[in-house]
Amino acid sequence: MADVTNADPILRESTRLTAAGHLTSQCSYDPVQMQNIFAPAGIDFFAIPGVATSLLSDFGLDSLNQLYTDPKVIAQRHELDMLGWMSTDDPEFYVSNGNPNTTPTMRSEAIHHPLQAKALDDKATAIGLAHVTNIPSMNIYAVNNETISQFMIRKLSQ
């Protein structure tokens, strides 16, 4: 919350989130990170219809190889990787994805794939950040079947 006694004008006025909720959301905008998330499941992210064309346009690339070789693009990728920004002082979050855990046949299915929620769960677990995960297609269920509404009420009531 705001620290009214702080000399820093930003900290005097700023607040921190109490909780966050993710429903079928993307965990990273870094396409290389996305490839790393999908690869263990045997899915080539760049081969999903619509992905490569979109990336070339979105990043202004001539070739996907630039994702790995162009220093400016690499720096941009790191800025766009929300997983890389997750830290232990972040608020507890709720992540849920009810989509099927199948190989995506189009870009939109990849962007809202359960592997995205699983990556958030894995990262939070690895760093010790409190979170609630519900991914039925991966047999991962929220403790006590807590819904996002119940989670938010619980967190905002504390």
Protein backbone atom coordinates (compact mmCIF):
# COMPACT_ATOMS: atom_id res chain seq x y z
CA MET A 1 0.00 0.00 0.00
CA ALA A 2 0.99 3.63 -0.16
CA ASP A 3 3.78 4.63 2.22
CA VAL A 4 2.74 8.19 3.12
CA THR A 5 5.95 8.82 5.10
CA ASN A 6 8.31 7.82 2.28
CA ALA A 7 10.48 10.55 0.72
CA ASP A 8 10.02 8.97 -2.73
CA PRO A 9 6.88 10.54 -4.30
CA ILE A 10 6.09 7.36 -6.22
CA LEU A 11 6.19 5.17 -3.10
CA ARG A 12 4.08 7.74 -1.23
CA GLU A 13 1.28 7.31 -3.76
CA SER A 14 1.73 3.70 -4.91
CA THR A 15 -0.13 0.60 -3.91
CA ARG A 16 0.66 -3.07 -4.43
CA LEU A 17 -1.72 -5.70 -5.64
CA THR A 18 -3.25 -7.88 -2.97
CA ALA A 19 -4.02 -10.73 -5.35
CA ALA A 20 -4.03 -11.55 -9.05
CA GLY A 21 -6.13 -13.90 -11.13
CA HIS A 22 -5.37 -15.53 -14.49
CA LEU A 23 -8.02 -17.26 -16.58
CA THR A 24 -6.67 -19.02 -19.69
CA SER A 25 -4.02 -16.34 -19.86
CA GLN A 26 -0.65 -16.25 -21.53
CA CYS A 27 2.36 -16.59 -19.21
CA SER A 28 4.92 -15.01 -21.55
CA TYR A 29 5.08 -12.95 -24.71
CA ASP A 30 8.62 -14.19 -25.38
CA PRO A 31 8.32 -16.63 -28.30
CA VAL A 32 11.50 -18.50 -27.34
CA GLN A 33 10.11 -19.00 -23.83
CA MET A 34 6.90 -20.26 -25.45
CA GLN A 35 8.90 -22.73 -27.54
CA ASN A 36 10.58 -23.92 -24.32
CA ILE A 37 7.18 -24.37 -22.65
CA PHE A 38 5.70 -26.40 -25.52
CA ALA A 39 8.78 -28.47 -26.50
CA PRO A 40 8.67 -30.95 -23.57
CA ALA A 41 5.14 -31.88 -24.69
CA GLY A 42 6.48 -32.61 -28.18
CA ILE A 43 4.94 -29.46 -29.63
CA ASP A 44 6.92 -27.14 -31.92
CA PHE A 45 5.46 -23.74 -31.04
CA PHE A 46 6.82 -22.13 -34.20
CA ALA A 47 5.15 -24.79 -36.39
CA ILE A 48 1.65 -24.10 -35.05
CA PRO A 49 -0.36 -22.52 -37.90
CA GLY A 50 -0.31 -18.74 -37.66
CA VAL A 51 2.47 -18.46 -35.08
CA ALA A 52 5.50 -17.82 -37.31
CA THR A 53 3.66 -15.31 -39.51
CA SER A 54 2.41 -13.44 -36.47
CA LEU A 55 5.86 -13.36 -34.86
CA LEU A 56 7.53 -12.04 -38.01
CA SER A 57 4.97 -9.24 -38.14
CA ASP A 58 4.80 -8.51 -34.39
CA PHE A 59 8.58 -8.30 -33.97
CA GLY A 60 9.29 -6.80 -37.41
CA LEU A 61 11.57 -9.71 -38.32
CA ASP A 62 12.85 -11.01 -41.63
CA SER A 63 13.56 -14.42 -40.09
CA LEU A 64 12.72 -16.25 -36.85
CA ASN A 65 16.47 -16.75 -36.44
CA GLN A 66 16.63 -13.10 -35.35
CA LEU A 67 14.85 -14.11 -32.14
CA TYR A 68 18.15 -15.76 -31.15
CA THR A 69 20.72 -13.51 -32.85
CA ASP A 70 19.58 -9.88 -32.85
CA PRO A 71 20.61 -8.23 -29.54
CA LYS A 72 17.74 -5.73 -29.74
CA VAL A 73 15.18 -8.50 -30.27
CA ILE A 74 16.71 -10.59 -27.48
CA ALA A 75 16.43 -7.64 -25.08
CA GLN A 76 12.82 -7.10 -26.16
CA ARG A 77 12.04 -10.79 -25.60
CA HIS A 78 13.36 -10.62 -22.04
CA GLU A 79 11.19 -7.57 -21.32
CA LEU A 80 8.15 -9.48 -22.62
CA ASP A 81 8.73 -12.59 -20.51
CA MET A 82 6.34 -12.28 -17.57
CA LEU A 83 7.71 -15.50 -16.05
CA GLY A 84 11.05 -13.76 -15.74
CA TRP A 85 9.44 -10.95 -13.77
CA MET A 86 7.82 -13.26 -11.19
CA SER A 87 9.38 -12.89 -7.74
CA THR A 88 8.79 -14.06 -4.20
CA ASP A 89 7.44 -10.67 -3.11
CA ASP A 90 4.59 -10.84 -5.64
CA PRO A 91 1.08 -11.36 -4.27
CA GLU A 92 -0.54 -14.77 -4.19
CA PHE A 93 -2.25 -15.50 -7.50
CA TYR A 94 -4.91 -17.81 -8.91
CA VAL A 95 -4.41 -19.44 -12.29
CA SER A 96 -7.02 -21.50 -14.07
CA ASN A 97 -7.25 -22.95 -17.55
CA GLY A 98 -10.18 -25.08 -18.61
CA ASN A 99 -9.04 -25.62 -22.20
CA PRO A 100 -8.14 -29.10 -23.47
CA ASN A 101 -4.53 -30.22 -23.12
CA THR A 102 -4.16 -31.12 -26.79
CA THR A 103 -1.79 -30.09 -29.56
CA PRO A 104 -2.82 -26.61 -30.74
CA THR A 105 -4.01 -26.39 -34.34
CA MET A 106 -3.99 -22.59 -34.45
CA ARG A 107 -2.23 -19.66 -32.79
CA SER A 108 -5.13 -18.76 -30.46
CA GLU A 109 -5.16 -22.29 -29.03
CA ALA A 110 -1.45 -22.02 -28.25
CA ILE A 111 -1.79 -18.64 -26.59
CA HIS A 112 -4.56 -19.92 -24.30
CA HIS A 113 -3.18 -23.44 -23.81
CA PRO A 114 -3.10 -25.19 -20.40
CA LEU A 115 0.71 -25.42 -20.68
CA GLN A 116 0.73 -21.65 -20.11
CA ALA A 117 -1.01 -22.09 -16.75
CA LYS A 118 1.27 -24.99 -15.89
CA ALA A 119 4.33 -22.83 -16.56
CA LEU A 120 2.98 -20.22 -14.11
CA ASP A 121 2.37 -22.97 -11.56
CA ASP A 122 5.84 -24.46 -12.04
CA LYS A 123 7.62 -21.10 -11.72
CA ALA A 124 5.66 -20.09 -8.61
CA THR A 125 6.35 -23.47 -7.01
CA ALA A 126 10.06 -23.23 -7.86
CA ILE A 127 10.47 -19.83 -6.21
CA GLY A 128 8.08 -20.45 -3.30
CA LEU A 129 5.38 -17.98 -4.33
CA ALA A 130 1.92 -18.74 -2.93
CA HIS A 131 -0.60 -19.56 -5.63
CA VAL A 132 -3.71 -21.59 -6.43
CA THR A 133 -3.80 -23.62 -9.65
CA ASN A 134 -6.76 -25.20 -11.42
CA ILE A 135 -6.02 -27.04 -14.69
CA PRO A 136 -8.60 -29.85 -14.99
CA SER A 137 -7.24 -31.18 -18.32
CA MET A 138 -3.94 -31.87 -16.50
CA ASN A 139 -5.67 -33.29 -13.41
CA ILE A 140 -4.57 -30.30 -11.34
CA TYR A 141 -7.34 -28.94 -9.14
CA ALA A 142 -7.54 -25.98 -6.79
CA VAL A 143 -7.42 -26.93 -3.11
CA ASN A 144 -10.99 -27.31 -1.82
CA ASN A 145 -12.16 -26.58 -5.40
CA GLU A 146 -11.69 -22.87 -4.73
CA THR A 147 -12.97 -20.71 -7.60
CA ILE A 148 -11.36 -17.47 -8.71
CA SER A 149 -14.27 -15.56 -7.12
CA GLN A 150 -13.77 -17.34 -3.80
CA PHE A 151 -10.02 -16.73 -4.03
CA MET A 152 -10.47 -13.01 -4.62
CA ILE A 153 -12.99 -12.68 -1.78
CA ARG A 154 -10.60 -14.57 0.52
CA LYS A 155 -7.62 -12.42 -0.42
CA LEU A 156 -9.45 -9.09 -0.38
CA SER A 157 -10.99 -9.93 3.01
CA GLN A 158 -7.63 -10.47 4.68
